Amino acid sequence: MSEINNIKSLGQSELATSRNATARDNQKTVNTEGTSALANRSDTVSLTNAAGQIQSLQQVIADVPVVDSERVASLKAAIADGSYSVNADELAQNLLSSESLFR
């Protein structure tokens, strides 16, 4: 009975060895073919007109200051001399309008 078990395990190990050798040979073939295919291929980059426009707009936006210094100076001066006034009705309407954007 032990002879039968030995035959079975011996046959399976030979089969596994054969499969592994075949897999290695196939992988070598793929690697060789893949390497030559990669050597013949060159990478290129092509930007569409829209992509170029987006890049230039991003640069323009990056160059614009975050704070409008002239507007800040104007408001400071108006507050300091007392000429700055707030229209309460307009302020309330704008608050309600902005609130509706979040719904």
C-alpha atoms as a PDB file:
ATOM      1  CA  MET A   1       0.000   0.000   0.000  1.00  0.00           C
ATOM      2  CA  SER A   2       2.829   2.411   0.776  1.00  0.00           C
ATOM      3  CA  GLU A   3       4.208   1.712  -2.717  1.00  0.00           C
ATOM      4  CA  ILE A   4       1.029   3.081  -4.251  1.00  0.00           C
ATOM      5  CA  ASN A   5       1.310   6.279  -2.210  1.00  0.00           C
ATOM      6  CA  ASN A   6       4.940   6.675  -3.266  1.00  0.00           C
ATOM      7  CA  ILE A   7       4.041   6.251  -6.928  1.00  0.00           C
ATOM      8  CA  LYS A   8       1.313   8.854  -6.649  1.00  0.00           C
ATOM      9  CA  SER A   9       3.530  11.443  -4.940  1.00  0.00           C
ATOM     10  CA  LEU A  10       6.447  10.702  -7.287  1.00  0.00           C
ATOM     11  CA  GLY A  11       4.246  11.196 -10.355  1.00  0.00           C
ATOM     12  CA  GLN A  12       2.852  14.468  -9.036  1.00  0.00           C
ATOM     13  CA  SER A  13       6.271  15.898  -8.224  1.00  0.00           C
ATOM     14  CA  GLU A  14       7.533  15.076 -11.725  1.00  0.00           C
ATOM     15  CA  LEU A  15       4.411  16.664 -13.203  1.00  0.00           C
ATOM     16  CA  ALA A  16       4.886  19.796 -11.078  1.00  0.00           C
ATOM     17  CA  THR A  17       8.540  20.034 -12.102  1.00  0.00           C
ATOM     18  CA  SER A  18       7.559  19.728 -15.740  1.00  0.00           C
ATOM     19  CA  ARG A  19       4.906  22.438 -15.363  1.00  0.00           C
ATOM     20  CA  ASN A  20       7.354  24.786 -13.628  1.00  0.00           C
ATOM     21  CA  ALA A  21       9.955  24.313 -16.388  1.00  0.00           C
ATOM     22  CA  THR A  22       7.358  25.021 -19.072  1.00  0.00           C
ATOM     23  CA  ALA A  23       6.184  28.138 -17.247  1.00  0.00           C
ATOM     24  CA  ARG A  24       9.786  29.406 -16.946  1.00  0.00           C
ATOM     25  CA  ASP A  25      10.386  28.827 -20.667  1.00  0.00           C
ATOM     26  CA  ASN A  26       7.182  30.675 -21.565  1.00  0.00           C
ATOM     27  CA  GLN A  27       8.106  33.577 -19.281  1.00  0.00           C
ATOM     28  CA  LYS A  28      11.566  33.868 -20.880  1.00  0.00           C
ATOM     29  CA  THR A  29       9.954  34.041 -24.310  1.00  0.00           C
ATOM     30  CA  VAL A  30       7.530  36.748 -23.185  1.00  0.00           C
ATOM     31  CA  ASN A  31      10.309  38.762 -21.508  1.00  0.00           C
ATOM     32  CA  THR A  32      12.518  38.567 -24.590  1.00  0.00           C
ATOM     33  CA  GLU A  33       9.694  39.606 -26.913  1.00  0.00           C
ATOM     34  CA  GLY A  34       8.485  42.311 -24.526  1.00  0.00           C
ATOM     35  CA  THR A  35      11.950  43.820 -24.199  1.00  0.00           C
ATOM     36  CA  SER A  36      12.431  44.104 -27.939  1.00  0.00           C
ATOM     37  CA  ALA A  37       8.965  45.608 -28.339  1.00  0.00           C
ATOM     38  CA  LEU A  38       9.717  48.207 -25.654  1.00  0.00           C
ATOM     39  CA  ALA A  39      13.032  49.120 -27.281  1.00  0.00           C
ATOM     40  CA  ASN A  40      11.255  49.911 -30.572  1.00  0.00           C
ATOM     41  CA  ARG A  41       8.513  52.042 -28.975  1.00  0.00           C
ATOM     42  CA  SER A  42       8.988  55.728 -28.137  1.00  0.00           C
ATOM     43  CA  ASP A  43       6.821  57.693 -25.738  1.00  0.00           C
ATOM     44  CA  THR A  44       5.174  60.879 -26.927  1.00  0.00           C
ATOM     45  CA  VAL A  45       3.006  63.501 -25.267  1.00  0.00           C
ATOM     46  CA  SER A  46       0.440  65.537 -27.146  1.00  0.00           C
ATOM     47  CA  LEU A  47      -1.549  68.366 -25.582  1.00  0.00           C
ATOM     48  CA  THR A  48      -4.832  69.425 -27.066  1.00  0.00           C
ATOM     49  CA  ASN A  49      -5.637  73.075 -27.629  1.00  0.00           C
ATOM     50  CA  ALA A  50      -7.978  73.007 -24.621  1.00  0.00           C
ATOM     51  CA  ALA A  51      -5.231  71.620 -22.394  1.00  0.00           C
ATOM     52  CA  GLY A  52      -2.917  74.435 -23.463  1.00  0.00           C
ATOM     53  CA  GLN A  53      -5.610  77.006 -22.692  1.00  0.00           C
ATOM     54  CA  ILE A  54      -6.191  75.457 -19.271  1.00  0.00           C
ATOM     55  CA  GLN A  55      -2.492  75.664 -18.497  1.00  0.00           C
ATOM     56  CA  SER A  56      -2.312  79.335 -19.463  1.00  0.00           C
ATOM     57  CA  LEU A  57      -5.444  80.145 -17.434  1.00  0.00           C
ATOM     58  CA  GLN A  58      -3.995  78.360 -14.415  1.00  0.00           C
ATOM     59  CA  GLN A  59      -0.901  80.560 -14.698  1.00  0.00           C
ATOM     60  CA  VAL A  60      -3.016  83.729 -14.964  1.00  0.00           C
ATOM     61  CA  ILE A  61      -5.027  82.722 -11.890  1.00  0.00           C
ATOM     62  CA  ALA A  62      -1.844  81.916  -9.968  1.00  0.00           C
ATOM     63  CA  ASP A  63      -0.506  85.414 -10.735  1.00  0.00           C
ATOM     64  CA  VAL A  64      -3.640  87.217  -9.479  1.00  0.00           C
ATOM     65  CA  PRO A  65      -3.336  88.336  -5.860  1.00  0.00           C
ATOM     66  CA  VAL A  66      -5.745  86.736  -3.404  1.00  0.00           C
ATOM     67  CA  VAL A  67      -6.632  90.086  -1.801  1.00  0.00           C
ATOM     68  CA  ASP A  68      -7.626  93.174  -3.782  1.00  0.00           C
ATOM     69  CA  SER A  69      -5.404  95.662  -1.967  1.00  0.00           C
ATOM     70  CA  GLU A  70      -6.996  98.696  -3.636  1.00  0.00           C
ATOM     71  CA  ARG A  71     -10.478  97.638  -2.527  1.00  0.00           C
ATOM     72  CA  VAL A  72      -9.284  97.026   1.036  1.00  0.00           C
ATOM     73  CA  ALA A  73      -7.638 100.463   1.167  1.00  0.00           C
ATOM     74  CA  SER A  74     -10.803 102.092  -0.182  1.00  0.00           C
ATOM     75  CA  LEU A  75     -12.990 100.403   2.434  1.00  0.00           C
ATOM     76  CA  LYS A  76     -10.591 101.289   5.250  1.00  0.00           C
ATOM     77  CA  ALA A  77     -10.633 104.919   4.202  1.00  0.00           C
ATOM     78  CA  ALA A  78     -14.451 104.973   3.959  1.00  0.00           C
ATOM     79  CA  ILE A  79     -14.801 103.428   7.413  1.00  0.00           C
ATOM     80  CA  ALA A  80     -12.216 105.783   8.904  1.00  0.00           C
ATOM     81  CA  ASP A  81     -13.898 108.954   7.597  1.00  0.00           C
ATOM     82  CA  GLY A  82     -17.430 107.710   8.364  1.00  0.00           C
ATOM     83  CA  SER A  83     -18.653 107.633   4.770  1.00  0.00           C
ATOM     84  CA  TYR A  84     -19.117 103.857   4.683  1.00  0.00           C
ATOM     85  CA  SER A  85     -22.762 102.908   5.106  1.00  0.00           C
ATOM     86  CA  VAL A  86     -24.537  99.590   5.063  1.00  0.00           C
ATOM     87  CA  ASN A  87     -27.925  99.186   3.411  1.00  0.00           C
ATOM     88  CA  ALA A  88     -29.626  96.784   5.820  1.00  0.00           C
ATOM     89  CA  ASP A  89     -32.344  95.717   3.346  1.00  0.00           C
ATOM     90  CA  GLU A  90     -29.796  94.922   0.631  1.00  0.00           C
ATOM     91  CA  LEU A  91     -27.612  93.042   3.121  1.00  0.00           C
ATOM     92  CA  ALA A  92     -30.561  90.957   4.334  1.00  0.00           C
ATOM     93  CA  GLN A  93     -31.633  90.152   0.764  1.00  0.00           C
ATOM     94  CA  ASN A  94     -28.095  89.068  -0.174  1.00  0.00           C
ATOM     95  CA  LEU A  95     -27.871  86.851   2.914  1.00  0.00           C
ATOM     96  CA  LEU A  96     -31.157  85.157   2.016  1.00  0.00           C
ATOM     97  CA  SER A  97     -30.039  84.698  -1.591  1.00  0.00           C
ATOM     98  CA  SER A  98     -26.752  83.143  -0.569  1.00  0.00           C
ATOM     99  CA  GLU A  99     -28.547  80.868   1.882  1.00  0.00           C
ATOM    100  CA  SER A 100     -30.707  79.456  -0.919  1.00  0.00           C
ATOM    101  CA  LEU A 101     -27.558  78.358  -2.774  1.00  0.00           C
ATOM    102  CA  PHE A 102     -26.787  75.854  -0.003  1.00  0.00           C
ATOM    103  CA  ARG A 103     -30.119  74.022  -0.191  1.00  0.00           C
END
